[in-house]
Amino acid sequence: MGRVGLINSGGESHGASDLKEAVYTAVVIKHAGGMGLISGRKAFQKPIKDGIELLHAIQDVYLDKSISLA
């Protein structure tokens, strides 16, 4: 109650470090009470296989019950 849902932008694509950065950002946002991460450029400026892997990694963070509010 009294909380506002936070959705953070994942930012621009930086290449090889995108997966690590997206997972780290998703964990931080989830700890802060955030509800989602916009990951457009990080996911969609890659080959489809790599983009899907990144999206699944972010989803796994939000589905993992052991990652909770800080």
PDB file of N, CA and C in Angstrom:
ATOM      1  N   MET A   1       0.828  -1.167   0.000  1.00  0.00           N
ATOM      2  CA  MET A   1       0.000   0.000   0.000  1.00  0.00           C
ATOM      3  C   MET A   1       0.883   1.245   0.000  1.00  0.00           C
ATOM      4  N   GLY A   2       0.491   2.214  -0.760  1.00  0.00           N
ATOM      5  CA  GLY A   2       1.247   3.444  -0.808  1.00  0.00           C
ATOM      6  C   GLY A   2       2.482   3.386  -1.688  1.00  0.00           C
ATOM      7  N   ARG A   3       2.683   2.266  -2.375  1.00  0.00           N
ATOM      8  CA  ARG A   3       3.854   2.120  -3.248  1.00  0.00           C
ATOM      9  C   ARG A   3       3.437   2.385  -4.687  1.00  0.00           C
ATOM     10  N   VAL A   4       4.349   2.893  -5.443  1.00  0.00           N
ATOM     11  CA  VAL A   4       4.110   3.147  -6.856  1.00  0.00           C
ATOM     12  C   VAL A   4       4.959   2.162  -7.653  1.00  0.00           C
ATOM     13  N   GLY A   5       4.345   1.505  -8.620  1.00  0.00           N
ATOM     14  CA  GLY A   5       5.081   0.559  -9.451  1.00  0.00           C
ATOM     15  C   GLY A   5       6.152   1.265 -10.261  1.00  0.00           C
ATOM     16  N   LEU A   6       7.342   0.697 -10.292  1.00  0.00           N
ATOM     17  CA  LEU A   6       8.471   1.280 -11.002  1.00  0.00           C
ATOM     18  C   LEU A   6       8.830   0.385 -12.167  1.00  0.00           C
ATOM     19  N   ILE A   7       8.931   0.961 -13.337  1.00  0.00           N
ATOM     20  CA  ILE A   7       9.433   0.238 -14.501  1.00  0.00           C
ATOM     21  C   ILE A   7      10.619   1.042 -15.004  1.00  0.00           C
ATOM     22  N   ASN A   8      11.758   0.401 -15.104  1.00  0.00           N
ATOM     23  CA  ASN A   8      12.998   1.065 -15.479  1.00  0.00           C
ATOM     24  C   ASN A   8      13.385   0.696 -16.908  1.00  0.00           C
ATOM     25  N   SER A   9      13.968   1.629 -17.623  1.00  0.00           N
ATOM     26  CA  SER A   9      14.481   1.359 -18.961  1.00  0.00           C
ATOM     27  C   SER A   9      15.843   0.687 -18.858  1.00  0.00           C
ATOM     28  N   GLY A  10      16.041  -0.353 -19.656  1.00  0.00           N
ATOM     29  CA  GLY A  10      17.305  -1.073 -19.646  1.00  0.00           C
ATOM     30  C   GLY A  10      18.429  -0.323 -20.336  1.00  0.00           C
ATOM     31  N   GLY A  11      18.112   0.701 -21.097  1.00  0.00           N
ATOM     32  CA  GLY A  11      19.146   1.490 -21.755  1.00  0.00           C
ATOM     33  C   GLY A  11      19.572   0.920 -23.092  1.00  0.00           C
ATOM     34  N   GLU A  12      20.581   1.547 -23.640  1.00  0.00           N
ATOM     35  CA  GLU A  12      21.044   1.153 -24.971  1.00  0.00           C
ATOM     36  C   GLU A  12      21.861  -0.134 -24.925  1.00  0.00           C
ATOM     37  N   SER A  13      22.010  -0.755 -26.080  1.00  0.00           N
ATOM     38  CA  SER A  13      22.797  -1.977 -26.198  1.00  0.00           C
ATOM     39  C   SER A  13      24.286  -1.648 -26.188  1.00  0.00           C
ATOM     40  N   HIS A  14      25.035  -2.413 -25.386  1.00  0.00           N
ATOM     41  CA  HIS A  14      26.489  -2.242 -25.326  1.00  0.00           C
ATOM     42  C   HIS A  14      27.232  -3.465 -25.830  1.00  0.00           C
ATOM     43  N   GLY A  15      26.511  -4.424 -26.381  1.00  0.00           N
ATOM     44  CA  GLY A  15      27.166  -5.597 -26.940  1.00  0.00           C
ATOM     45  C   GLY A  15      27.241  -6.750 -25.961  1.00  0.00           C
ATOM     46  N   ALA A  16      28.457  -7.261 -25.762  1.00  0.00           N
ATOM     47  CA  ALA A  16      28.670  -8.485 -24.987  1.00  0.00           C
ATOM     48  C   ALA A  16      28.229  -8.382 -23.533  1.00  0.00           C
ATOM     49  N   SER A  17      28.225  -7.198 -22.953  1.00  0.00           N
ATOM     50  CA  SER A  17      27.881  -7.053 -21.534  1.00  0.00           C
ATOM     51  C   SER A  17      26.377  -6.882 -21.298  1.00  0.00           C
ATOM     52  N   ASP A  18      25.569  -6.894 -22.345  1.00  0.00           N
ATOM     53  CA  ASP A  18      24.136  -6.617 -22.210  1.00  0.00           C
ATOM     54  C   ASP A  18      23.416  -7.588 -21.277  1.00  0.00           C
ATOM     55  N   LEU A  19      23.687  -8.884 -21.393  1.00  0.00           N
ATOM     56  CA  LEU A  19      23.001  -9.872 -20.569  1.00  0.00           C
ATOM     57  C   LEU A  19      23.302  -9.635 -19.090  1.00  0.00           C
ATOM     58  N   LYS A  20      24.565  -9.475 -18.769  1.00  0.00           N
ATOM     59  CA  LYS A  20      24.971  -9.240 -17.383  1.00  0.00           C
ATOM     60  C   LYS A  20      24.339  -7.952 -16.844  1.00  0.00           C
ATOM     61  N   GLU A  21      24.382  -6.889 -17.633  1.00  0.00           N
ATOM     62  CA  GLU A  21      23.813  -5.609 -17.210  1.00  0.00           C
ATOM     63  C   GLU A  21      22.304  -5.696 -17.022  1.00  0.00           C
ATOM     64  N   ALA A  22      21.612  -6.403 -17.906  1.00  0.00           N
ATOM     65  CA  ALA A  22      20.152  -6.517 -17.815  1.00  0.00           C
ATOM     66  C   ALA A  22      19.746  -7.295 -16.571  1.00  0.00           C
ATOM     67  N   VAL A  23      20.442  -8.393 -16.280  1.00  0.00           N
ATOM     68  CA  VAL A  23      20.122  -9.188 -15.093  1.00  0.00           C
ATOM     69  C   VAL A  23      20.409  -8.383 -13.830  1.00  0.00           C
ATOM     70  N   TYR A  24      21.545  -7.721 -13.782  1.00  0.00           N
ATOM     71  CA  TYR A  24      21.895  -6.891 -12.625  1.00  0.00           C
ATOM     72  C   TYR A  24      20.836  -5.802 -12.403  1.00  0.00           C
ATOM     73  N   THR A  25      20.455  -5.123 -13.478  1.00  0.00           N
ATOM     74  CA  THR A  25      19.460  -4.057 -13.372  1.00  0.00           C
ATOM     75  C   THR A  25      18.115  -4.611 -12.920  1.00  0.00           C
ATOM     76  N   ALA A  26      17.714  -5.766 -13.435  1.00  0.00           N
ATOM     77  CA  ALA A  26      16.447  -6.375 -13.035  1.00  0.00           C
ATOM     78  C   ALA A  26      16.451  -6.719 -11.545  1.00  0.00           C
ATOM     79  N   VAL A  27      17.560  -7.251 -11.044  1.00  0.00           N
ATOM     80  CA  VAL A  27      17.659  -7.583  -9.617  1.00  0.00           C
ATOM     81  C   VAL A  27      17.561  -6.315  -8.769  1.00  0.00           C
ATOM     82  N   VAL A  28      18.287  -5.272  -9.143  1.00  0.00           N
ATOM     83  CA  VAL A  28      18.250  -4.008  -8.394  1.00  0.00           C
ATOM     84  C   VAL A  28      16.836  -3.434  -8.383  1.00  0.00           C
ATOM     85  N   ILE A  29      16.184  -3.411  -9.539  1.00  0.00           N
ATOM     86  CA  ILE A  29      14.840  -2.856  -9.643  1.00  0.00           C
ATOM     87  C   ILE A  29      13.850  -3.694  -8.835  1.00  0.00           C
ATOM     88  N   LYS A  30      13.990  -5.021  -8.886  1.00  0.00           N
ATOM     89  CA  LYS A  30      13.095  -5.876  -8.108  1.00  0.00           C
ATOM     90  C   LYS A  30      13.306  -5.648  -6.614  1.00  0.00           C
ATOM     91  N   HIS A  31      14.561  -5.542  -6.174  1.00  0.00           N
ATOM     92  CA  HIS A  31      14.851  -5.252  -4.758  1.00  0.00           C
ATOM     93  C   HIS A  31      14.209  -3.938  -4.325  1.00  0.00           C
ATOM     94  N   ALA A  32      14.146  -2.979  -5.237  1.00  0.00           N
ATOM     95  CA  ALA A  32      13.598  -1.658  -4.919  1.00  0.00           C
ATOM     96  C   ALA A  32      12.071  -1.635  -5.001  1.00  0.00           C
ATOM     97  N   GLY A  33      11.456  -2.762  -5.353  1.00  0.00           N
ATOM     98  CA  GLY A  33      10.009  -2.818  -5.452  1.00  0.00           C
ATOM     99  C   GLY A  33       9.484  -2.592  -6.851  1.00  0.00           C
ATOM    100  N   GLY A  34      10.393  -2.569  -7.813  1.00  0.00           N
ATOM    101  CA  GLY A  34      10.001  -2.337  -9.194  1.00  0.00           C
ATOM    102  C   GLY A  34       9.199  -3.483  -9.769  1.00  0.00           C
ATOM    103  N   MET A  35       8.441  -3.173 -10.791  1.00  0.00           N
ATOM    104  CA  MET A  35       7.540  -4.143 -11.393  1.00  0.00           C
ATOM    105  C   MET A  35       7.981  -4.606 -12.778  1.00  0.00           C
ATOM    106  N   GLY A  36       9.031  -4.051 -13.322  1.00  0.00           N
ATOM    107  CA  GLY A  36       9.437  -4.470 -14.652  1.00  0.00           C
ATOM    108  C   GLY A  36      10.620  -3.704 -15.181  1.00  0.00           C
ATOM    109  N   LEU A  37      11.130  -4.186 -16.298  1.00  0.00           N
ATOM    110  CA  LEU A  37      12.293  -3.597 -16.939  1.00  0.00           C
ATOM    111  C   LEU A  37      12.021  -3.519 -18.434  1.00  0.00           C
ATOM    112  N   ILE A  38      12.132  -2.340 -19.001  1.00  0.00           N
ATOM    113  CA  ILE A  38      11.984  -2.173 -20.442  1.00  0.00           C
ATOM    114  C   ILE A  38      13.327  -2.543 -21.068  1.00  0.00           C
ATOM    115  N   SER A  39      13.320  -3.492 -21.959  1.00  0.00           N
ATOM    116  CA  SER A  39      14.591  -3.996 -22.486  1.00  0.00           C
ATOM    117  C   SER A  39      14.644  -3.987 -24.005  1.00  0.00           C
ATOM    118  N   GLY A  40      13.962  -3.085 -24.627  1.00  0.00           N
ATOM    119  CA  GLY A  40      13.866  -3.051 -26.083  1.00  0.00           C
ATOM    120  C   GLY A  40      15.176  -3.109 -26.826  1.00  0.00           C
ATOM    121  N   ARG A  41      16.007  -2.081 -26.689  1.00  0.00           N
ATOM    122  CA  ARG A  41      17.244  -2.028 -27.487  1.00  0.00           C
ATOM    123  C   ARG A  41      18.210  -3.135 -27.111  1.00  0.00           C
ATOM    124  N   LYS A  42      18.302  -3.458 -25.827  1.00  0.00           N
ATOM    125  CA  LYS A  42      19.223  -4.526 -25.416  1.00  0.00           C
ATOM    126  C   LYS A  42      18.826  -5.870 -26.030  1.00  0.00           C
ATOM    127  N   ALA A  43      17.532  -6.114 -26.176  1.00  0.00           N
ATOM    128  CA  ALA A  43      17.069  -7.406 -26.681  1.00  0.00           C
ATOM    129  C   ALA A  43      16.898  -7.419 -28.198  1.00  0.00           C
ATOM    130  N   PHE A  44      16.405  -6.335 -28.763  1.00  0.00           N
ATOM    131  CA  PHE A  44      15.976  -6.379 -30.154  1.00  0.00           C
ATOM    132  C   PHE A  44      17.018  -5.887 -31.158  1.00  0.00           C
ATOM    133  N   GLN A  45      18.170  -5.450 -30.685  1.00  0.00           N
ATOM    134  CA  GLN A  45      19.264  -5.091 -31.596  1.00  0.00           C
ATOM    135  C   GLN A  45      20.288  -6.212 -31.667  1.00  0.00           C
ATOM    136  N   LYS A  46      19.844  -7.426 -31.418  1.00  0.00           N
ATOM    137  CA  LYS A  46      20.716  -8.608 -31.402  1.00  0.00           C
ATOM    138  C   LYS A  46      20.117  -9.682 -32.302  1.00  0.00           C
ATOM    139  N   PRO A  47      20.904 -10.709 -32.601  1.00  0.00           N
ATOM    140  CA  PRO A  47      20.310 -11.876 -33.258  1.00  0.00           C
ATOM    141  C   PRO A  47      19.192 -12.430 -32.369  1.00  0.00           C
ATOM    142  N   ILE A  48      18.175 -13.013 -32.961  1.00  0.00           N
ATOM    143  CA  ILE A  48      16.989 -13.431 -32.213  1.00  0.00           C
ATOM    144  C   ILE A  48      17.329 -14.375 -31.055  1.00  0.00           C
ATOM    145  N   LYS A  49      18.255 -15.292 -31.256  1.00  0.00           N
ATOM    146  CA  LYS A  49      18.635 -16.242 -30.205  1.00  0.00           C
ATOM    147  C   LYS A  49      19.172 -15.503 -28.977  1.00  0.00           C
ATOM    148  N   ASP A  50      20.035 -14.533 -29.189  1.00  0.00           N
ATOM    149  CA  ASP A  50      20.616 -13.765 -28.086  1.00  0.00           C
ATOM    150  C   ASP A  50      19.572 -12.878 -27.403  1.00  0.00           C
ATOM    151  N   GLY A  51      18.687 -12.295 -28.190  1.00  0.00           N
ATOM    152  CA  GLY A  51      17.629 -11.458 -27.629  1.00  0.00           C
ATOM    153  C   GLY A  51      16.682 -12.258 -26.753  1.00  0.00           C
ATOM    154  N   ILE A  52      16.319 -13.456 -27.203  1.00  0.00           N
ATOM    155  CA  ILE A  52      15.436 -14.325 -26.415  1.00  0.00           C
ATOM    156  C   ILE A  52      16.121 -14.743 -25.121  1.00  0.00           C
ATOM    157  N   GLU A  53      17.405 -15.062 -25.190  1.00  0.00           N
ATOM    158  CA  GLU A  53      18.151 -15.433 -23.981  1.00  0.00           C
ATOM    159  C   GLU A  53      18.121 -14.286 -22.956  1.00  0.00           C
ATOM    160  N   LEU A  54      18.309 -13.071 -23.428  1.00  0.00           N
ATOM    161  CA  LEU A  54      18.291 -11.910 -22.540  1.00  0.00           C
ATOM    162  C   LEU A  54      16.902 -11.729 -21.920  1.00  0.00           C
ATOM    163  N   LEU A  55      15.858 -11.817 -22.712  1.00  0.00           N
ATOM    164  CA  LEU A  55      14.499 -11.668 -22.188  1.00  0.00           C
ATOM    165  C   LEU A  55      14.158 -12.755 -21.176  1.00  0.00           C
ATOM    166  N   HIS A  56      14.567 -13.984 -21.451  1.00  0.00           N
ATOM    167  CA  HIS A  56      14.315 -15.077 -20.504  1.00  0.00           C
ATOM    168  C   HIS A  56      15.076 -14.860 -19.191  1.00  0.00           C
ATOM    169  N   ALA A  57      16.281 -14.345 -19.268  1.00  0.00           N
ATOM    170  CA  ALA A  57      17.063 -14.081 -18.053  1.00  0.00           C
ATOM    171  C   ALA A  57      16.369 -13.040 -17.181  1.00  0.00           C
ATOM    172  N   ILE A  58      15.824 -11.998 -17.807  1.00  0.00           N
ATOM    173  CA  ILE A  58      15.095 -10.970 -17.056  1.00  0.00           C
ATOM    174  C   ILE A  58      13.827 -11.569 -16.444  1.00  0.00           C
ATOM    175  N   GLN A  59      13.106 -12.364 -17.212  1.00  0.00           N
ATOM    176  CA  GLN A  59      11.900 -13.006 -16.682  1.00  0.00           C
ATOM    177  C   GLN A  59      12.237 -13.892 -15.492  1.00  0.00           C
ATOM    178  N   ASP A  60      13.346 -14.612 -15.586  1.00  0.00           N
ATOM    179  CA  ASP A  60      13.752 -15.489 -14.487  1.00  0.00           C
ATOM    180  C   ASP A  60      13.981 -14.714 -13.199  1.00  0.00           C
ATOM    181  N   VAL A  61      14.514 -13.498 -13.301  1.00  0.00           N
ATOM    182  CA  VAL A  61      14.719 -12.667 -12.108  1.00  0.00           C
ATOM    183  C   VAL A  61      13.375 -12.376 -11.452  1.00  0.00           C
ATOM    184  N   TYR A  62      12.383 -11.966 -12.246  1.00  0.00           N
ATOM    185  CA  TYR A  62      11.083 -11.606 -11.687  1.00  0.00           C
ATOM    186  C   TYR A  62      10.302 -12.822 -11.201  1.00  0.00           C
ATOM    187  N   LEU A  63      10.597 -14.018 -11.717  1.00  0.00           N
ATOM    188  CA  LEU A  63       9.933 -15.237 -11.263  1.00  0.00           C
ATOM    189  C   LEU A  63      10.613 -15.863 -10.047  1.00  0.00           C
ATOM    190  N   ASP A  64      11.846 -15.491  -9.771  1.00  0.00           N
ATOM    191  CA  ASP A  64      12.620 -16.074  -8.674  1.00  0.00           C
ATOM    192  C   ASP A  64      12.152 -15.511  -7.337  1.00  0.00           C
ATOM    193  N   LYS A  65      11.498 -16.340  -6.547  1.00  0.00           N
ATOM    194  CA  LYS A  65      10.953 -15.901  -5.266  1.00  0.00           C
ATOM    195  C   LYS A  65      12.039 -15.605  -4.224  1.00  0.00           C
ATOM    196  N   SER A  66      13.254 -16.075  -4.452  1.00  0.00           N
ATOM    197  CA  SER A  66      14.327 -15.796  -3.490  1.00  0.00           C
ATOM    198  C   SER A  66      14.875 -14.374  -3.633  1.00  0.00           C
ATOM    199  N   ILE A  67      14.538 -13.705  -4.725  1.00  0.00           N
ATOM    200  CA  ILE A  67      14.916 -12.304  -4.914  1.00  0.00           C
ATOM    201  C   ILE A  67      13.720 -11.468  -4.468  1.00  0.00           C
ATOM    202  N   SER A  68      13.881 -10.770  -3.350  1.00  0.00           N
ATOM    203  CA  SER A  68      12.751 -10.032  -2.778  1.00  0.00           C
ATOM    204  C   SER A  68      13.119  -8.588  -2.533  1.00  0.00           C
ATOM    205  N   LEU A  69      12.198  -7.864  -1.932  1.00  0.00           N
ATOM    206  CA  LEU A  69      12.458  -6.464  -1.596  1.00  0.00           C
ATOM    207  C   LEU A  69      13.634  -6.360  -0.645  1.00  0.00           C
ATOM    208  N   ALA A  70      14.421  -5.332  -0.844  1.00  0.00           N
ATOM    209  CA  ALA A  70      15.590  -5.121   0.023  1.00  0.00           C
ATOM    210  C   ALA A  70      15.139  -4.572   1.351  1.00  0.00           C
TER     211      ALA A  70
END
